[in-house]
């Protein structure tokens, strides 16, 4: 039996996410439900995001020359994209994100969609 194309072509498995590094998101499902934080890393291959201060786990390090004492450290582990939503500070809740073309010659604009209304999402300044 022939394999399907999706099983062999890894590019077809990626989920297109509209979330970016630096966006504030809220966790909507799982043990960390209700927590908010900024996205530190987006893993498109595994459909996961790392959120600052959320889903922290303990890892144990052996003593090395840089860290002679060793011991345990806490790091953020990834969360699946389906468990997070973009956080809107005006409505204090999670919203869906979309794109709209501004007009001829204008750039694509990110918009937030909440209960039928659409409004522009301001991009945070890069540091």
PDB file of N, CA and C in Angstrom:
ATOM      1  N   UNK A   1       0.843  -1.180   0.000  1.00  0.00           N
ATOM      2  CA  UNK A   1       0.000   0.000   0.000  1.00  0.00           C
ATOM      3  C   UNK A   1       0.882   1.235   0.000  1.00  0.00           C
ATOM      4  N   UNK A   2       0.565   2.193  -0.836  1.00  0.00           N
ATOM      5  CA  UNK A   2       1.377   3.403  -0.975  1.00  0.00           C
ATOM      6  C   UNK A   2       1.143   4.337   0.207  1.00  0.00           C
ATOM      7  N   UNK A   3       2.212   4.997   0.606  1.00  0.00           N
ATOM      8  CA  UNK A   3       2.109   5.975   1.691  1.00  0.00           C
ATOM      9  C   UNK A   3       1.511   7.268   1.160  1.00  0.00           C
ATOM     10  N   UNK A   4       0.842   7.974   2.052  1.00  0.00           N
ATOM     11  CA  UNK A   4       0.295   9.264   1.637  1.00  0.00           C
ATOM     12  C   UNK A   4       1.409  10.301   1.613  1.00  0.00           C
ATOM     13  N   UNK A   5       1.174  11.379   0.922  1.00  0.00           N
ATOM     14  CA  UNK A   5       2.195  12.412   0.786  1.00  0.00           C
ATOM     15  C   UNK A   5       2.460  13.105   2.115  1.00  0.00           C
ATOM     16  N   UNK A   6       1.438  13.237   2.964  1.00  0.00           N
ATOM     17  CA  UNK A   6       1.621  13.926   4.239  1.00  0.00           C
ATOM     18  C   UNK A   6       2.559  13.162   5.161  1.00  0.00           C
ATOM     19  N   UNK A   7       2.632  11.834   5.001  1.00  0.00           N
ATOM     20  CA  UNK A   7       3.514  11.047   5.858  1.00  0.00           C
ATOM     21  C   UNK A   7       4.978  11.227   5.473  1.00  0.00           C
ATOM     22  N   UNK A   8       5.249  11.556   4.217  1.00  0.00           N
ATOM     23  CA  UNK A   8       6.633  11.654   3.777  1.00  0.00           C
ATOM     24  C   UNK A   8       7.139  13.086   3.679  1.00  0.00           C
ATOM     25  N   UNK A   9       6.261  14.032   3.453  1.00  0.00           N
ATOM     26  CA  UNK A   9       6.684  15.414   3.274  1.00  0.00           C
ATOM     27  C   UNK A   9       6.538  16.183   4.586  1.00  0.00           C
ATOM     28  N   UNK A  10       7.658  16.469   5.285  1.00  0.00           N
ATOM     29  CA  UNK A  10       7.541  17.131   6.585  1.00  0.00           C
ATOM     30  C   UNK A  10       7.003  18.552   6.498  1.00  0.00           C
ATOM     31  N   UNK A  11       7.126  19.200   5.347  1.00  0.00           N
ATOM     32  CA  UNK A  11       6.634  20.572   5.215  1.00  0.00           C
ATOM     33  C   UNK A  11       5.113  20.620   5.305  1.00  0.00           C
ATOM     34  N   UNK A  12       4.434  19.549   4.936  1.00  0.00           N
ATOM     35  CA  UNK A  12       2.981  19.536   4.971  1.00  0.00           C
ATOM     36  C   UNK A  12       2.432  19.337   6.379  1.00  0.00           C
ATOM     37  N   UNK A  13       3.276  18.945   7.315  1.00  0.00           N
ATOM     38  CA  UNK A  13       2.814  18.685   8.670  1.00  0.00           C
ATOM     39  C   UNK A  13       2.773  19.940   9.528  1.00  0.00           C
ATOM     40  N   UNK A  14       3.396  21.019   9.097  1.00  0.00           N
ATOM     41  CA  UNK A  14       3.480  22.217   9.929  1.00  0.00           C
ATOM     42  C   UNK A  14       2.125  22.891  10.045  1.00  0.00           C
ATOM     43  N   UNK A  15       1.821  23.332  11.245  1.00  0.00           N
ATOM     44  CA  UNK A  15       0.626  24.141  11.467  1.00  0.00           C
ATOM     45  C   UNK A  15       1.029  25.599  11.333  1.00  0.00           C
ATOM     46  N   UNK A  16       0.273  26.344  10.565  1.00  0.00           N
ATOM     47  CA  UNK A  16       0.596  27.753  10.392  1.00  0.00           C
ATOM     48  C   UNK A  16       0.066  28.516  11.590  1.00  0.00           C
ATOM     49  N   UNK A  17       0.959  29.060  12.389  1.00  0.00           N
ATOM     50  CA  UNK A  17       0.548  29.797  13.567  1.00  0.00           C
ATOM     51  C   UNK A  17       0.674  31.288  13.316  1.00  0.00           C
ATOM     52  N   UNK A  18      -0.182  32.041  13.959  1.00  0.00           N
ATOM     53  CA  UNK A  18      -0.137  33.494  13.842  1.00  0.00           C
ATOM     54  C   UNK A  18       0.510  34.116  15.066  1.00  0.00           C
ATOM     55  N   UNK A  19       0.977  33.282  15.986  1.00  0.00           N
ATOM     56  CA  UNK A  19       1.652  33.777  17.184  1.00  0.00           C
ATOM     57  C   UNK A  19       3.121  34.016  16.881  1.00  0.00           C
ATOM     58  N   UNK A  20       3.674  35.053  17.506  1.00  0.00           N
ATOM     59  CA  UNK A  20       5.072  35.411  17.283  1.00  0.00           C
ATOM     60  C   UNK A  20       5.798  35.496  18.614  1.00  0.00           C
ATOM     61  N   UNK A  21       7.117  35.514  18.554  1.00  0.00           N
ATOM     62  CA  UNK A  21       7.931  35.719  19.747  1.00  0.00           C
ATOM     63  C   UNK A  21       7.625  37.111  20.297  1.00  0.00           C
ATOM     64  N   UNK A  22       7.389  37.185  21.597  1.00  0.00           N
ATOM     65  CA  UNK A  22       7.086  38.458  22.242  1.00  0.00           C
ATOM     66  C   UNK A  22       5.604  38.695  22.469  1.00  0.00           C
ATOM     67  N   UNK A  23       4.729  37.903  21.836  1.00  0.00           N
ATOM     68  CA  UNK A  23       3.286  38.045  22.056  1.00  0.00           C
ATOM     69  C   UNK A  23       2.930  37.580  23.457  1.00  0.00           C
ATOM     70  N   UNK A  24       1.962  38.258  24.075  1.00  0.00           N
ATOM     71  CA  UNK A  24       1.463  37.801  25.368  1.00  0.00           C
ATOM     72  C   UNK A  24       0.312  36.840  25.107  1.00  0.00           C
ATOM     73  N   UNK A  25       0.395  35.658  25.721  1.00  0.00           N
ATOM     74  CA  UNK A  25      -0.616  34.629  25.519  1.00  0.00           C
ATOM     75  C   UNK A  25      -1.152  34.173  26.864  1.00  0.00           C
ATOM     76  N   UNK A  26      -2.308  33.518  26.825  1.00  0.00           N
ATOM     77  CA  UNK A  26      -2.908  32.922  28.014  1.00  0.00           C
ATOM     78  C   UNK A  26      -3.099  31.438  27.733  1.00  0.00           C
ATOM     79  N   UNK A  27      -2.841  30.609  28.745  1.00  0.00           N
ATOM     80  CA  UNK A  27      -3.008  29.166  28.608  1.00  0.00           C
ATOM     81  C   UNK A  27      -4.485  28.855  28.826  1.00  0.00           C
ATOM     82  N   UNK A  28      -5.106  28.138  27.881  1.00  0.00           N
ATOM     83  CA  UNK A  28      -6.543  27.884  27.957  1.00  0.00           C
ATOM     84  C   UNK A  28      -6.873  26.451  28.348  1.00  0.00           C
ATOM     85  N   UNK A  29      -5.874  25.566  28.422  1.00  0.00           N
ATOM     86  CA  UNK A  29      -6.144  24.176  28.785  1.00  0.00           C
ATOM     87  C   UNK A  29      -4.907  23.573  29.437  1.00  0.00           C
ATOM     88  N   UNK A  30      -5.139  22.577  30.273  1.00  0.00           N
ATOM     89  CA  UNK A  30      -4.038  21.869  30.906  1.00  0.00           C
ATOM     90  C   UNK A  30      -3.809  22.317  32.338  1.00  0.00           C
ATOM     91  N   UNK A  31      -2.741  21.820  32.936  1.00  0.00           N
ATOM     92  CA  UNK A  31      -2.480  22.096  34.352  1.00  0.00           C
ATOM     93  C   UNK A  31      -2.096  23.548  34.605  1.00  0.00           C
ATOM     94  N   UNK A  32      -1.663  24.271  33.585  1.00  0.00           N
ATOM     95  CA  UNK A  32      -1.265  25.674  33.730  1.00  0.00           C
ATOM     96  C   UNK A  32      -2.371  26.628  33.275  1.00  0.00           C
ATOM     97  N   UNK A  33      -3.603  26.152  33.190  1.00  0.00           N
ATOM     98  CA  UNK A  33      -4.723  26.940  32.671  1.00  0.00           C
ATOM     99  C   UNK A  33      -4.879  28.251  33.440  1.00  0.00           C
ATOM    100  N   UNK A  34      -5.037  29.349  32.682  1.00  0.00           N
ATOM    101  CA  UNK A  34      -5.244  30.659  33.283  1.00  0.00           C
ATOM    102  C   UNK A  34      -3.979  31.482  33.439  1.00  0.00           C
ATOM    103  N   UNK A  35      -2.807  30.876  33.298  1.00  0.00           N
ATOM    104  CA  UNK A  35      -1.552  31.619  33.445  1.00  0.00           C
ATOM    105  C   UNK A  35      -1.235  32.364  32.157  1.00  0.00           C
ATOM    106  N   UNK A  36      -0.582  33.525  32.326  1.00  0.00           N
ATOM    107  CA  UNK A  36      -0.204  34.353  31.186  1.00  0.00           C
ATOM    108  C   UNK A  36       1.303  34.513  31.149  1.00  0.00           C
ATOM    109  N   UNK A  37       1.818  34.798  29.963  1.00  0.00           N
ATOM    110  CA  UNK A  37       3.236  35.067  29.801  1.00  0.00           C
ATOM    111  C   UNK A  37       3.555  35.400  28.356  1.00  0.00           C
ATOM    112  N   UNK A  38       4.811  35.809  28.136  1.00  0.00           N
ATOM    113  CA  UNK A  38       5.257  36.145  26.784  1.00  0.00           C
ATOM    114  C   UNK A  38       5.912  34.936  26.132  1.00  0.00           C
ATOM    115  N   UNK A  39       5.739  34.839  24.825  1.00  0.00           N
ATOM    116  CA  UNK A  39       6.332  33.738  24.072  1.00  0.00           C
ATOM    117  C   UNK A  39       7.824  33.986  23.925  1.00  0.00           C
ATOM    118  N   UNK A  40       8.626  32.982  24.301  1.00  0.00           N
ATOM    119  CA  UNK A  40      10.080  33.066  24.178  1.00  0.00           C
ATOM    120  C   UNK A  40      10.580  32.348  22.926  1.00  0.00           C
ATOM    121  N   UNK A  41       9.873  31.279  22.514  1.00  0.00           N
ATOM    122  CA  UNK A  41      10.322  30.473  21.380  1.00  0.00           C
ATOM    123  C   UNK A  41       9.106  29.808  20.731  1.00  0.00           C
ATOM    124  N   UNK A  42       9.101  29.740  19.402  1.00  0.00           N
ATOM    125  CA  UNK A  42       8.050  29.050  18.657  1.00  0.00           C
ATOM    126  C   UNK A  42       8.699  27.905  17.897  1.00  0.00           C
ATOM    127  N   UNK A  43       8.251  26.672  18.165  1.00  0.00           N
ATOM    128  CA  UNK A  43       8.762  25.489  17.482  1.00  0.00           C
ATOM    129  C   UNK A  43       7.710  25.048  16.467  1.00  0.00           C
ATOM    130  N   UNK A  44       7.871  25.475  15.219  1.00  0.00           N
ATOM    131  CA  UNK A  44       6.879  25.182  14.187  1.00  0.00           C
ATOM    132  C   UNK A  44       6.873  23.706  13.811  1.00  0.00           C
ATOM    133  N   UNK A  45       7.997  23.054  13.944  1.00  0.00           N
ATOM    134  CA  UNK A  45       8.086  21.642  13.577  1.00  0.00           C
ATOM    135  C   UNK A  45       7.229  20.770  14.494  1.00  0.00           C
ATOM    136  N   UNK A  46       7.201  21.110  15.792  1.00  0.00           N
ATOM    137  CA  UNK A  46       6.438  20.308  16.752  1.00  0.00           C
ATOM    138  C   UNK A  46       5.150  20.987  17.215  1.00  0.00           C
ATOM    139  N   UNK A  47       4.796  22.131  16.636  1.00  0.00           N
ATOM    140  CA  UNK A  47       3.585  22.884  16.996  1.00  0.00           C
ATOM    141  C   UNK A  47       3.557  23.236  18.476  1.00  0.00           C
ATOM    142  N   UNK A  48       4.664  23.763  18.984  1.00  0.00           N
ATOM    143  CA  UNK A  48       4.759  24.092  20.405  1.00  0.00           C
ATOM    144  C   UNK A  48       5.377  25.468  20.601  1.00  0.00           C
ATOM    145  N   UNK A  49       5.055  26.086  21.752  1.00  0.00           N
ATOM    146  CA  UNK A  49       5.631  27.369  22.127  1.00  0.00           C
ATOM    147  C   UNK A  49       6.176  27.267  23.545  1.00  0.00           C
ATOM    148  N   UNK A  50       7.230  28.045  23.822  1.00  0.00           N
ATOM    149  CA  UNK A  50       7.783  28.155  25.168  1.00  0.00           C
ATOM    150  C   UNK A  50       7.366  29.517  25.693  1.00  0.00           C
ATOM    151  N   UNK A  51       6.707  29.517  26.859  1.00  0.00           N
ATOM    152  CA  UNK A  51       6.174  30.743  27.443  1.00  0.00           C
ATOM    153  C   UNK A  51       6.935  31.046  28.721  1.00  0.00           C
ATOM    154  N   UNK A  52       7.325  32.304  28.866  1.00  0.00           N
ATOM    155  CA  UNK A  52       8.122  32.732  30.013  1.00  0.00           C
ATOM    156  C   UNK A  52       7.324  32.563  31.308  1.00  0.00           C
ATOM    157  N   UNK A  53       7.888  31.795  32.256  1.00  0.00           N
ATOM    158  CA  UNK A  53       7.290  31.611  33.573  1.00  0.00           C
ATOM    159  C   UNK A  53       6.158  30.603  33.636  1.00  0.00           C
ATOM    160  N   UNK A  54       5.865  29.906  32.549  1.00  0.00           N
ATOM    161  CA  UNK A  54       4.759  28.952  32.514  1.00  0.00           C
ATOM    162  C   UNK A  54       5.308  27.570  32.184  1.00  0.00           C
ATOM    163  N   UNK A  55       4.717  26.535  32.804  1.00  0.00           N
ATOM    164  CA  UNK A  55       5.086  25.135  32.562  1.00  0.00           C
ATOM    165  C   UNK A  55       6.549  24.871  32.906  1.00  0.00           C
ATOM    166  N   UNK A  56       6.963  25.320  34.082  1.00  0.00           N
ATOM    167  CA  UNK A  56       8.345  25.143  34.527  1.00  0.00           C
ATOM    168  C   UNK A  56       8.544  23.728  35.058  1.00  0.00           C
ATOM    169  N   UNK A  57       9.676  23.115  34.680  1.00  0.00           N
ATOM    170  CA  UNK A  57      10.022  21.783  35.155  1.00  0.00           C
ATOM    171  C   UNK A  57      11.417  21.818  35.751  1.00  0.00           C
ATOM    172  N   UNK A  58      11.713  20.838  36.602  1.00  0.00           N
ATOM    173  CA  UNK A  58      13.037  20.754  37.212  1.00  0.00           C
ATOM    174  C   UNK A  58      13.906  19.801  36.407  1.00  0.00           C
ATOM    175  N   UNK A  59      15.123  20.219  36.159  1.00  0.00           N
ATOM    176  CA  UNK A  59      16.131  19.388  35.514  1.00  0.00           C
ATOM    177  C   UNK A  59      17.328  19.322  36.448  1.00  0.00           C
ATOM    178  N   UNK A  60      17.981  18.186  36.472  1.00  0.00           N
ATOM    179  CA  UNK A  60      19.116  17.998  37.357  1.00  0.00           C
ATOM    180  C   UNK A  60      20.397  17.996  36.540  1.00  0.00           C
ATOM    181  N   UNK A  61      21.371  18.800  36.976  1.00  0.00           N
ATOM    182  CA  UNK A  61      22.633  18.918  36.261  1.00  0.00           C
ATOM    183  C   UNK A  61      23.751  18.276  37.059  1.00  0.00           C
ATOM    184  N   UNK A  62      24.612  17.597  36.346  1.00  0.00           N
ATOM    185  CA  UNK A  62      25.817  17.066  36.975  1.00  0.00           C
ATOM    186  C   UNK A  62      26.796  18.204  37.198  1.00  0.00           C
ATOM    187  N   UNK A  63      27.665  18.060  38.167  1.00  0.00           N
ATOM    188  CA  UNK A  63      28.688  19.096  38.365  1.00  0.00           C
ATOM    189  C   UNK A  63      29.621  19.189  37.153  1.00  0.00           C
ATOM    190  N   UNK A  64      29.878  20.418  36.706  1.00  0.00           N
ATOM    191  CA  UNK A  64      30.799  20.678  35.607  1.00  0.00           C
ATOM    192  C   UNK A  64      31.763  21.762  36.046  1.00  0.00           C
ATOM    193  N   UNK A  65      32.691  22.130  35.180  1.00  0.00           N
ATOM    194  CA  UNK A  65      33.628  23.187  35.529  1.00  0.00           C
ATOM    195  C   UNK A  65      32.918  24.531  35.643  1.00  0.00           C
ATOM    196  N   UNK A  66      31.901  24.769  34.811  1.00  0.00           N
ATOM    197  CA  UNK A  66      31.161  26.021  34.893  1.00  0.00           C
ATOM    198  C   UNK A  66      30.243  26.050  36.111  1.00  0.00           C
ATOM    199  N   UNK A  67      29.680  24.909  36.460  1.00  0.00           N
ATOM    200  CA  UNK A  67      28.765  24.791  37.590  1.00  0.00           C
ATOM    201  C   UNK A  67      29.262  23.666  38.495  1.00  0.00           C
ATOM    202  N   UNK A  68      30.268  23.941  39.348  1.00  0.00           N
ATOM    203  CA  UNK A  68      30.884  22.857  40.120  1.00  0.00           C
ATOM    204  C   UNK A  68      29.946  22.220  41.141  1.00  0.00           C
ATOM    205  N   UNK A  69      28.924  22.949  41.573  1.00  0.00           N
ATOM    206  CA  UNK A  69      28.024  22.395  42.574  1.00  0.00           C
ATOM    207  C   UNK A  69      26.984  21.464  41.947  1.00  0.00           C
ATOM    208  N   UNK A  70      26.607  21.736  40.698  1.00  0.00           N
ATOM    209  CA  UNK A  70      25.564  20.936  40.067  1.00  0.00           C
ATOM    210  C   UNK A  70      24.214  21.264  40.671  1.00  0.00           C
ATOM    211  N   UNK A  71      23.337  20.285  40.767  1.00  0.00           N
ATOM    212  CA  UNK A  71      22.043  20.487  41.409  1.00  0.00           C
ATOM    213  C   UNK A  71      20.911  20.626  40.413  1.00  0.00           C
ATOM    214  N   UNK A  72      19.772  21.104  40.914  1.00  0.00           N
ATOM    215  CA  UNK A  72      18.584  21.197  40.070  1.00  0.00           C
ATOM    216  C   UNK A  72      18.392  22.628  39.567  1.00  0.00           C
ATOM    217  N   UNK A  73      17.878  22.725  38.350  1.00  0.00           N
ATOM    218  CA  UNK A  73      17.535  24.025  37.767  1.00  0.00           C
ATOM    219  C   UNK A  73      16.100  23.932  37.251  1.00  0.00           C
ATOM    220  N   UNK A  74      15.414  25.067  37.191  1.00  0.00           N
ATOM    221  CA  UNK A  74      14.058  25.099  36.647  1.00  0.00           C
ATOM    222  C   UNK A  74      14.088  25.759  35.278  1.00  0.00           C
ATOM    223  N   UNK A  75      13.468  25.096  34.311  1.00  0.00           N
ATOM    224  CA  UNK A  75      13.384  25.639  32.962  1.00  0.00           C
ATOM    225  C   UNK A  75      11.934  25.556  32.479  1.00  0.00           C
ATOM    226  N   UNK A  76      11.598  26.392  31.492  1.00  0.00           N
ATOM    227  CA  UNK A  76      10.274  26.340  30.894  1.00  0.00           C
ATOM    228  C   UNK A  76      10.260  25.246  29.832  1.00  0.00           C
ATOM    229  N   UNK A  77       9.223  24.432  29.849  1.00  0.00           N
ATOM    230  CA  UNK A  77       9.100  23.418  28.812  1.00  0.00           C
ATOM    231  C   UNK A  77       7.995  23.841  27.837  1.00  0.00           C
ATOM    232  N   UNK A  78       8.008  23.302  26.625  1.00  0.00           N
ATOM    233  CA  UNK A  78       7.058  23.740  25.597  1.00  0.00           C
ATOM    234  C   UNK A  78       5.620  23.313  25.889  1.00  0.00           C
ATOM    235  N   UNK A  79       4.682  24.103  25.371  1.00  0.00           N
ATOM    236  CA  UNK A  79       3.251  23.826  25.452  1.00  0.00           C
ATOM    237  C   UNK A  79       2.718  23.775  24.024  1.00  0.00           C
ATOM    238  N   UNK A  80       1.774  22.880  23.776  1.00  0.00           N
ATOM    239  CA  UNK A  80       1.210  22.754  22.439  1.00  0.00           C
ATOM    240  C   UNK A  80       0.415  24.007  22.066  1.00  0.00           C
ATOM    241  N   UNK A  81       0.457  24.359  20.786  1.00  0.00           N
ATOM    242  CA  UNK A  81      -0.218  25.562  20.291  1.00  0.00           C
ATOM    243  C   UNK A  81      -1.722  25.564  20.560  1.00  0.00           C
ATOM    244  N   UNK A  82      -2.329  24.390  20.581  1.00  0.00           N
ATOM    245  CA  UNK A  82      -3.775  24.330  20.785  1.00  0.00           C
ATOM    246  C   UNK A  82      -4.174  24.709  22.205  1.00  0.00           C
ATOM    247  N   UNK A  83      -3.217  24.773  23.122  1.00  0.00           N
ATOM    248  CA  UNK A  83      -3.517  25.089  24.516  1.00  0.00           C
ATOM    249  C   UNK A  83      -3.281  26.546  24.872  1.00  0.00           C
ATOM    250  N   UNK A  84      -2.926  27.391  23.906  1.00  0.00           N
ATOM    251  CA  UNK A  84      -2.687  28.807  24.195  1.00  0.00           C
ATOM    252  C   UNK A  84      -3.478  29.682  23.225  1.00  0.00           C
ATOM    253  N   UNK A  85      -3.790  30.910  23.684  1.00  0.00           N
ATOM    254  CA  UNK A  85      -4.464  31.910  22.859  1.00  0.00           C
ATOM    255  C   UNK A  85      -3.806  33.248  23.085  1.00  0.00           C
ATOM    256  N   UNK A  86      -3.855  34.098  22.079  1.00  0.00           N
ATOM    257  CA  UNK A  86      -3.341  35.456  22.208  1.00  0.00           C
ATOM    258  C   UNK A  86      -4.145  36.175  23.282  1.00  0.00           C
ATOM    259  N   UNK A  87      -3.459  36.891  24.199  1.00  0.00           N
ATOM    260  CA  UNK A  87      -4.130  37.590  25.302  1.00  0.00           C
ATOM    261  C   UNK A  87      -4.361  39.039  24.919  1.00  0.00           C
ATOM    262  N   UNK A  88      -5.609  39.472  25.031  1.00  0.00           N
ATOM    263  CA  UNK A  88      -5.979  40.851  24.730  1.00  0.00           C
ATOM    264  C   UNK A  88      -6.123  41.605  26.042  1.00  0.00           C
ATOM    265  N   UNK A  89      -5.304  42.640  26.231  1.00  0.00           N
ATOM    266  CA  UNK A  89      -5.312  43.379  27.495  1.00  0.00           C
ATOM    267  C   UNK A  89      -6.565  44.238  27.653  1.00  0.00           C
ATOM    268  N   UNK A  90      -7.238  44.587  26.559  1.00  0.00           N
ATOM    269  CA  UNK A  90      -8.457  45.402  26.670  1.00  0.00           C
ATOM    270  C   UNK A  90      -9.633  44.580  27.174  1.00  0.00           C
ATOM    271  N   UNK A  91      -9.819  43.390  26.607  1.00  0.00           N
ATOM    272  CA  UNK A  91     -10.939  42.545  27.025  1.00  0.00           C
ATOM    273  C   UNK A  91     -10.554  41.605  28.157  1.00  0.00           C
ATOM    274  N   UNK A  92      -9.275  41.531  28.487  1.00  0.00           N
ATOM    275  CA  UNK A  92      -8.758  40.665  29.552  1.00  0.00           C
ATOM    276  C   UNK A  92      -9.110  39.193  29.306  1.00  0.00           C
ATOM    277  N   UNK A  93      -9.010  38.771  28.036  1.00  0.00           N
ATOM    278  CA  UNK A  93      -9.303  37.385  27.697  1.00  0.00           C
ATOM    279  C   UNK A  93      -8.520  36.993  26.453  1.00  0.00           C
ATOM    280  N   UNK A  94      -8.609  35.729  26.093  1.00  0.00           N
ATOM    281  CA  UNK A  94      -7.952  35.239  24.898  1.00  0.00           C
ATOM    282  C   UNK A  94      -8.774  35.555  23.662  1.00  0.00           C
ATOM    283  N   UNK A  95      -8.096  35.888  22.568  1.00  0.00           N
ATOM    284  CA  UNK A  95      -8.782  36.170  21.310  1.00  0.00           C
ATOM    285  C   UNK A  95      -8.079  35.441  20.175  1.00  0.00           C
ATOM    286  N   UNK A  96      -8.807  35.279  19.075  1.00  0.00           N
ATOM    287  CA  UNK A  96      -8.216  34.703  17.872  1.00  0.00           C
ATOM    288  C   UNK A  96      -7.564  35.815  17.066  1.00  0.00           C
ATOM    289  N   UNK A  97      -6.560  35.453  16.281  1.00  0.00           N
ATOM    290  CA  UNK A  97      -5.819  36.433  15.497  1.00  0.00           C
ATOM    291  C   UNK A  97      -5.990  36.116  14.020  1.00  0.00           C
ATOM    292  N   UNK A  98      -6.089  37.164  13.219  1.00  0.00           N
ATOM    293  CA  UNK A  98      -6.144  37.015  11.779  1.00  0.00           C
ATOM    294  C   UNK A  98      -5.322  38.098  11.119  1.00  0.00           C
ATOM    295  N   UNK A  99      -5.326  38.102   9.804  1.00  0.00           N
ATOM    296  CA  UNK A  99      -4.618  39.118   9.031  1.00  0.00           C
ATOM    297  C   UNK A  99      -5.593  39.770   8.070  1.00  0.00           C
ATOM    298  N   UNK A 100      -5.333  41.035   7.761  1.00  0.00           N
ATOM    299  CA  UNK A 100      -6.127  41.753   6.776  1.00  0.00           C
ATOM    300  C   UNK A 100      -5.169  42.613   5.964  1.00  0.00           C
ATOM    301  N   UNK A 101      -5.426  42.697   4.678  1.00  0.00           N
ATOM    302  CA  UNK A 101      -4.631  43.571   3.834  1.00  0.00           C
ATOM    303  C   UNK A 101      -5.176  44.984   3.994  1.00  0.00           C
ATOM    304  N   UNK A 102      -4.280  45.943   4.290  1.00  0.00           N
ATOM    305  CA  UNK A 102      -4.699  47.321   4.531  1.00  0.00           C
ATOM    306  C   UNK A 102      -5.298  47.978   3.301  1.00  0.00           C
ATOM    307  N   UNK A 103      -4.707  47.778   2.173  1.00  0.00           N
ATOM    308  CA  UNK A 103      -5.169  48.390   0.932  1.00  0.00           C
ATOM    309  C   UNK A 103      -4.090  48.233  -0.112  1.00  0.00           C
ATOM    310  N   UNK A 104      -4.270  48.841  -1.278  1.00  0.00           N
ATOM    311  CA  UNK A 104      -3.240  48.708  -2.303  1.00  0.00           C
ATOM    312  C   UNK A 104      -1.936  49.360  -1.856  1.00  0.00           C
ATOM    313  N   UNK A 105      -0.875  48.602  -1.893  1.00  0.00           N
ATOM    314  CA  UNK A 105       0.437  49.126  -1.515  1.00  0.00           C
ATOM    315  C   UNK A 105       0.699  49.128  -0.023  1.00  0.00           C
ATOM    316  N   UNK A 106      -0.256  48.711   0.779  1.00  0.00           N
ATOM    317  CA  UNK A 106      -0.061  48.685   2.227  1.00  0.00           C
ATOM    318  C   UNK A 106       0.311  47.285   2.683  1.00  0.00           C
ATOM    319  N   UNK A 107       0.837  47.214   3.907  1.00  0.00           N
ATOM    320  CA  UNK A 107       1.267  45.931   4.440  1.00  0.00           C
ATOM    321  C   UNK A 107       0.104  45.182   5.074  1.00  0.00           C
ATOM    322  N   UNK A 108       0.363  43.900   5.315  1.00  0.00           N
ATOM    323  CA  UNK A 108      -0.590  43.053   6.004  1.00  0.00           C
ATOM    324  C   UNK A 108      -0.666  43.495   7.469  1.00  0.00           C
ATOM    325  N   UNK A 109      -1.862  43.538   8.047  1.00  0.00           N
ATOM    326  CA  UNK A 109      -2.062  44.011   9.415  1.00  0.00           C
ATOM    327  C   UNK A 109      -2.665  42.883  10.243  1.00  0.00           C
ATOM    328  N   UNK A 110      -2.125  42.674  11.452  1.00  0.00           N
ATOM    329  CA  UNK A 110      -2.702  41.669  12.347  1.00  0.00           C
ATOM    330  C   UNK A 110      -3.936  42.250  13.024  1.00  0.00           C
ATOM    331  N   UNK A 111      -5.006  41.454  13.043  1.00  0.00           N
ATOM    332  CA  UNK A 111      -6.231  41.907  13.687  1.00  0.00           C
ATOM    333  C   UNK A 111      -6.667  40.869  14.715  1.00  0.00           C
ATOM    334  N   UNK A 112      -7.339  41.340  15.753  1.00  0.00           N
ATOM    335  CA  UNK A 112      -7.916  40.456  16.757  1.00  0.00           C
ATOM    336  C   UNK A 112      -9.390  40.285  16.476  1.00  0.00           C
ATOM    337  N   UNK A 113      -9.872  39.065  16.607  1.00  0.00           N
ATOM    338  CA  UNK A 113     -11.277  38.783  16.331  1.00  0.00           C
ATOM    339  C   UNK A 113     -11.948  38.349  17.626  1.00  0.00           C
ATOM    340  N   UNK A 114     -12.948  39.101  18.040  1.00  0.00           N
ATOM    341  CA  UNK A 114     -13.677  38.773  19.261  1.00  0.00           C
ATOM    342  C   UNK A 114     -15.150  39.049  19.025  1.00  0.00           C
ATOM    343  N   UNK A 115     -15.975  38.015  19.040  1.00  0.00           N
ATOM    344  CA  UNK A 115     -17.433  38.126  18.938  1.00  0.00           C
ATOM    345  C   UNK A 115     -17.867  38.998  17.761  1.00  0.00           C
ATOM    346  N   UNK A 116     -17.290  38.751  16.601  1.00  0.00           N
ATOM    347  CA  UNK A 116     -17.728  39.447  15.399  1.00  0.00           C
ATOM    348  C   UNK A 116     -17.044  40.768  15.123  1.00  0.00           C
ATOM    349  N   UNK A 117     -16.369  41.348  16.092  1.00  0.00           N
ATOM    350  CA  UNK A 117     -15.696  42.621  15.839  1.00  0.00           C
ATOM    351  C   UNK A 117     -14.224  42.371  15.534  1.00  0.00           C
ATOM    352  N   UNK A 118     -13.661  43.242  14.733  1.00  0.00           N
ATOM    353  CA  UNK A 118     -12.250  43.137  14.376  1.00  0.00           C
ATOM    354  C   UNK A 118     -11.570  44.444  14.706  1.00  0.00           C
ATOM    355  N   UNK A 119     -10.375  44.365  15.294  1.00  0.00           N
ATOM    356  CA  UNK A 119      -9.606  45.580  15.544  1.00  0.00           C
ATOM    357  C   UNK A 119      -8.128  45.258  15.423  1.00  0.00           C
ATOM    358  N   UNK A 120      -7.372  46.273  15.097  1.00  0.00           N
ATOM    359  CA  UNK A 120      -5.945  46.109  14.834  1.00  0.00           C
ATOM    360  C   UNK A 120      -5.183  45.830  16.123  1.00  0.00           C
ATOM    361  N   UNK A 121      -4.217  44.932  16.034  1.00  0.00           N
ATOM    362  CA  UNK A 121      -3.349  44.610  17.161  1.00  0.00           C
ATOM    363  C   UNK A 121      -2.055  45.374  16.977  1.00  0.00           C
ATOM    364  N   UNK A 122      -1.699  46.152  17.960  1.00  0.00           N
ATOM    365  CA  UNK A 122      -0.459  46.928  17.900  1.00  0.00           C
ATOM    366  C   UNK A 122       0.722  46.004  18.162  1.00  0.00           C
ATOM    367  N   UNK A 123       1.725  46.109  17.314  1.00  0.00           N
ATOM    368  CA  UNK A 123       2.943  45.326  17.494  1.00  0.00           C
ATOM    369  C   UNK A 123       3.778  45.951  18.598  1.00  0.00           C
ATOM    370  N   UNK A 124       4.359  45.105  19.445  1.00  0.00           N
ATOM    371  CA  UNK A 124       5.237  45.621  20.490  1.00  0.00           C
ATOM    372  C   UNK A 124       6.574  45.986  19.876  1.00  0.00           C
ATOM    373  N   UNK A 125       7.198  47.017  20.418  1.00  0.00           N
ATOM    374  CA  UNK A 125       8.488  47.478  19.897  1.00  0.00           C
ATOM    375  C   UNK A 125       9.557  46.439  20.182  1.00  0.00           C
ATOM    376  N   UNK A 126      10.391  46.173  19.198  1.00  0.00           N
ATOM    377  CA  UNK A 126      11.492  45.225  19.361  1.00  0.00           C
ATOM    378  C   UNK A 126      12.571  45.836  20.227  1.00  0.00           C
ATOM    379  N   UNK A 127      13.145  45.010  21.086  1.00  0.00           N
ATOM    380  CA  UNK A 127      14.215  45.508  21.963  1.00  0.00           C
ATOM    381  C   UNK A 127      15.558  45.285  21.335  1.00  0.00           C
TER     382      UNK A 127
END
